[in-house]
Amino acid sequence: MNEQTYLSIITDLANQLANKLINEAEFKARLIESQQETAQLIKELEIYRSVLESDKDLKDLFEEVKNKNEVNA
């Protein structure tokens, strides 16, 4: 093979590697965002549960509405 062929191969490999690294970085960033959103949702859910547990009437009302929605779903 001549030098031009080697340069073409190296350029192609470099482009493939760059694209794979960019995709990997994007997936990692999206994973981190998803993990942060999940953690935030879990915190909010814990707050809702805490409020419901602190007020029996509110919890009973919640259960009543939840059960109605399950029947309609």
N, C-alpha and C. Protein backbone atom coordinates (compact mmCIF):
# COMPACT_ATOMS: atom_id res chain seq x y z
N MET A 1 0.84 -1.18 0.00
CA MET A 1 0.00 0.00 0.00
C MET A 1 0.88 1.24 0.00
N ASN A 2 0.33 2.24 -0.60
CA ASN A 2 1.11 3.48 -0.65
C ASN A 2 0.73 4.41 0.51
N GLU A 3 1.44 5.49 0.61
CA GLU A 3 1.26 6.43 1.72
C GLU A 3 -0.15 7.03 1.73
N GLN A 4 -0.69 7.32 0.56
CA GLN A 4 -2.04 7.89 0.46
C GLN A 4 -3.10 6.93 1.03
N THR A 5 -2.92 5.65 0.75
CA THR A 5 -3.84 4.64 1.27
C THR A 5 -3.77 4.60 2.79
N TYR A 6 -2.54 4.60 3.33
CA TYR A 6 -2.38 4.60 4.79
C TYR A 6 -3.02 5.83 5.41
N LEU A 7 -2.82 6.98 4.82
CA LEU A 7 -3.42 8.22 5.33
C LEU A 7 -4.95 8.14 5.30
N SER A 8 -5.47 7.57 4.25
CA SER A 8 -6.92 7.42 4.13
C SER A 8 -7.45 6.49 5.21
N ILE A 9 -6.75 5.39 5.45
CA ILE A 9 -7.16 4.44 6.50
C ILE A 9 -7.10 5.10 7.87
N ILE A 10 -6.01 5.78 8.16
CA ILE A 10 -5.84 6.44 9.46
C ILE A 10 -6.90 7.52 9.66
N THR A 11 -7.19 8.28 8.63
CA THR A 11 -8.21 9.32 8.72
C THR A 11 -9.57 8.71 9.00
N ASP A 12 -9.89 7.63 8.29
CA ASP A 12 -11.17 6.96 8.50
C ASP A 12 -11.27 6.41 9.92
N LEU A 13 -10.22 5.77 10.40
CA LEU A 13 -10.23 5.24 11.76
C LEU A 13 -10.35 6.35 12.80
N ALA A 14 -9.67 7.44 12.57
CA ALA A 14 -9.73 8.58 13.50
C ALA A 14 -11.15 9.14 13.55
N ASN A 15 -11.79 9.24 12.40
CA ASN A 15 -13.17 9.74 12.36
C ASN A 15 -14.12 8.79 13.07
N GLN A 16 -13.95 7.49 12.85
CA GLN A 16 -14.79 6.50 13.52
C GLN A 16 -14.62 6.58 15.04
N LEU A 17 -13.37 6.68 15.48
CA LEU A 17 -13.09 6.77 16.91
C LEU A 17 -13.70 8.04 17.51
N ALA A 18 -13.53 9.15 16.80
CA ALA A 18 -14.08 10.42 17.29
C ALA A 18 -15.60 10.32 17.43
N ASN A 19 -16.25 9.75 16.44
CA ASN A 19 -17.71 9.60 16.49
C ASN A 19 -18.14 8.71 17.64
N LYS A 20 -17.42 7.63 17.86
CA LYS A 20 -17.76 6.73 18.97
C LYS A 20 -17.56 7.42 20.32
N LEU A 21 -16.50 8.20 20.45
CA LEU A 21 -16.25 8.91 21.70
C LEU A 21 -17.31 9.98 21.96
N ILE A 22 -17.73 10.66 20.91
CA ILE A 22 -18.78 11.67 21.05
C ILE A 22 -20.08 11.00 21.49
N ASN A 23 -20.43 9.89 20.86
CA ASN A 23 -21.64 9.16 21.24
C ASN A 23 -21.57 8.68 22.68
N GLU A 24 -20.41 8.17 23.07
CA GLU A 24 -20.24 7.70 24.45
C GLU A 24 -20.41 8.84 25.44
N ALA A 25 -19.82 9.98 25.14
CA ALA A 25 -19.93 11.14 26.03
C ALA A 25 -21.38 11.60 26.13
N GLU A 26 -22.09 11.58 25.01
CA GLU A 26 -23.49 11.97 25.02
C GLU A 26 -24.32 11.01 25.87
N PHE A 27 -24.10 9.71 25.72
CA PHE A 27 -24.84 8.73 26.51
C PHE A 27 -24.53 8.88 28.00
N LYS A 28 -23.27 9.14 28.34
CA LYS A 28 -22.93 9.34 29.75
C LYS A 28 -23.64 10.57 30.31
N ALA A 29 -23.66 11.65 29.54
CA ALA A 29 -24.33 12.88 29.99
C ALA A 29 -25.82 12.63 30.18
N ARG A 30 -26.43 11.91 29.24
CA ARG A 30 -27.86 11.61 29.38
C ARG A 30 -28.13 10.70 30.57
N LEU A 31 -27.24 9.77 30.82
CA LEU A 31 -27.39 8.88 31.98
C LEU A 31 -27.34 9.68 33.27
N ILE A 32 -26.38 10.59 33.37
CA ILE A 32 -26.25 11.41 34.57
C ILE A 32 -27.50 12.27 34.76
N GLU A 33 -27.99 12.87 33.68
CA GLU A 33 -29.22 13.66 33.77
C GLU A 33 -30.39 12.81 34.24
N SER A 34 -30.50 11.62 33.69
CA SER A 34 -31.60 10.71 34.07
C SER A 34 -31.49 10.31 35.53
N GLN A 35 -30.28 10.04 35.98
CA GLN A 35 -30.08 9.67 37.38
C GLN A 35 -30.44 10.83 38.31
N GLN A 36 -30.08 12.04 37.92
CA GLN A 36 -30.42 13.20 38.73
C GLN A 36 -31.92 13.43 38.77
N GLU A 37 -32.58 13.29 37.63
CA GLU A 37 -34.04 13.44 37.58
C GLU A 37 -34.72 12.37 38.43
N THR A 38 -34.22 11.15 38.36
CA THR A 38 -34.78 10.06 39.15
C THR A 38 -34.61 10.35 40.64
N ALA A 39 -33.45 10.82 41.03
CA ALA A 39 -33.21 11.14 42.44
C ALA A 39 -34.17 12.25 42.91
N GLN A 40 -34.39 13.25 42.06
CA GLN A 40 -35.31 14.33 42.41
C GLN A 40 -36.74 13.81 42.56
N LEU A 41 -37.15 12.94 41.64
CA LEU A 41 -38.50 12.37 41.71
C LEU A 41 -38.68 11.51 42.96
N ILE A 42 -37.64 10.78 43.33
CA ILE A 42 -37.71 9.97 44.54
C ILE A 42 -37.86 10.87 45.77
N LYS A 43 -37.12 11.98 45.80
CA LYS A 43 -37.25 12.91 46.93
C LYS A 43 -38.67 13.47 47.02
N GLU A 44 -39.22 13.85 45.85
CA GLU A 44 -40.58 14.38 45.85
C GLU A 44 -41.59 13.32 46.30
N LEU A 45 -41.42 12.10 45.84
CA LEU A 45 -42.30 11.01 46.24
C LEU A 45 -42.23 10.79 47.75
N GLU A 46 -41.03 10.84 48.30
CA GLU A 46 -40.87 10.67 49.75
C GLU A 46 -41.58 11.78 50.52
N ILE A 47 -41.55 13.00 49.97
CA ILE A 47 -42.25 14.12 50.61
C ILE A 47 -43.75 13.87 50.60
N TYR A 48 -44.28 13.46 49.43
CA TYR A 48 -45.72 13.17 49.34
C TYR A 48 -46.12 12.07 50.31
N ARG A 49 -45.32 11.03 50.36
CA ARG A 49 -45.63 9.92 51.27
C ARG A 49 -45.60 10.39 52.72
N SER A 50 -44.63 11.22 53.05
CA SER A 50 -44.50 11.73 54.40
C SER A 50 -45.73 12.56 54.79
N VAL A 51 -46.18 13.40 53.86
CA VAL A 51 -47.36 14.22 54.12
C VAL A 51 -48.58 13.33 54.32
N LEU A 52 -48.75 12.34 53.44
CA LEU A 52 -49.90 11.44 53.57
C LEU A 52 -49.86 10.67 54.89
N GLU A 53 -48.67 10.23 55.28
CA GLU A 53 -48.55 9.48 56.53
C GLU A 53 -48.81 10.35 57.76
N SER A 54 -48.62 11.65 57.62
CA SER A 54 -48.78 12.54 58.77
C SER A 54 -50.24 12.95 59.00
N ASP A 55 -51.11 12.67 58.02
CA ASP A 55 -52.50 13.10 58.13
C ASP A 55 -53.42 11.96 57.69
N LYS A 56 -54.05 11.32 58.68
CA LYS A 56 -54.89 10.15 58.38
C LYS A 56 -56.05 10.50 57.45
N ASP A 57 -56.70 11.64 57.69
CA ASP A 57 -57.84 12.03 56.84
C ASP A 57 -57.39 12.24 55.39
N LEU A 58 -56.25 12.88 55.24
CA LEU A 58 -55.73 13.11 53.90
C LEU A 58 -55.36 11.79 53.24
N LYS A 59 -54.78 10.89 54.01
CA LYS A 59 -54.41 9.58 53.46
C LYS A 59 -55.66 8.79 53.05
N ASP A 60 -56.69 8.84 53.88
CA ASP A 60 -57.93 8.15 53.54
C ASP A 60 -58.55 8.73 52.27
N LEU A 61 -58.54 10.05 52.17
CA LEU A 61 -59.07 10.69 50.96
C LEU A 61 -58.25 10.30 49.74
N PHE A 62 -56.95 10.27 49.91
CA PHE A 62 -56.07 9.86 48.81
C PHE A 62 -56.40 8.44 48.37
N GLU A 63 -56.53 7.54 49.32
CA GLU A 63 -56.83 6.14 49.00
C GLU A 63 -58.19 6.03 48.30
N GLU A 64 -59.15 6.82 48.75
CA GLU A 64 -60.48 6.79 48.13
C GLU A 64 -60.39 7.24 46.67
N VAL A 65 -59.70 8.34 46.43
CA VAL A 65 -59.57 8.85 45.06
C VAL A 65 -58.75 7.88 44.21
N LYS A 66 -57.72 7.34 44.79
CA LYS A 66 -56.89 6.37 44.06
C LYS A 66 -57.71 5.17 43.64
N ASN A 67 -58.51 4.67 44.54
CA ASN A 67 -59.34 3.50 44.23
C ASN A 67 -60.38 3.82 43.16
N LYS A 68 -60.94 5.00 43.19
CA LYS A 68 -61.90 5.42 42.15
C LYS A 68 -61.21 5.46 40.79
N ASN A 69 -60.00 6.00 40.76
CA ASN A 69 -59.26 6.11 39.51
C ASN A 69 -58.88 4.74 38.97
N GLU A 70 -58.60 3.80 39.86
CA GLU A 70 -58.27 2.44 39.41
C GLU A 70 -59.47 1.78 38.76
N VAL A 71 -60.65 2.06 39.26
CA VAL A 71 -61.86 1.48 38.68
C VAL A 71 -62.10 2.08 37.30
N ASN A 72 -61.85 3.37 37.13
CA ASN A 72 -62.08 4.04 35.85
C ASN A 72 -60.99 3.76 34.83
N ALA A 73 -59.84 3.32 35.29
CA ALA A 73 -58.70 3.13 34.37
C ALA A 73 -58.88 1.91 33.49
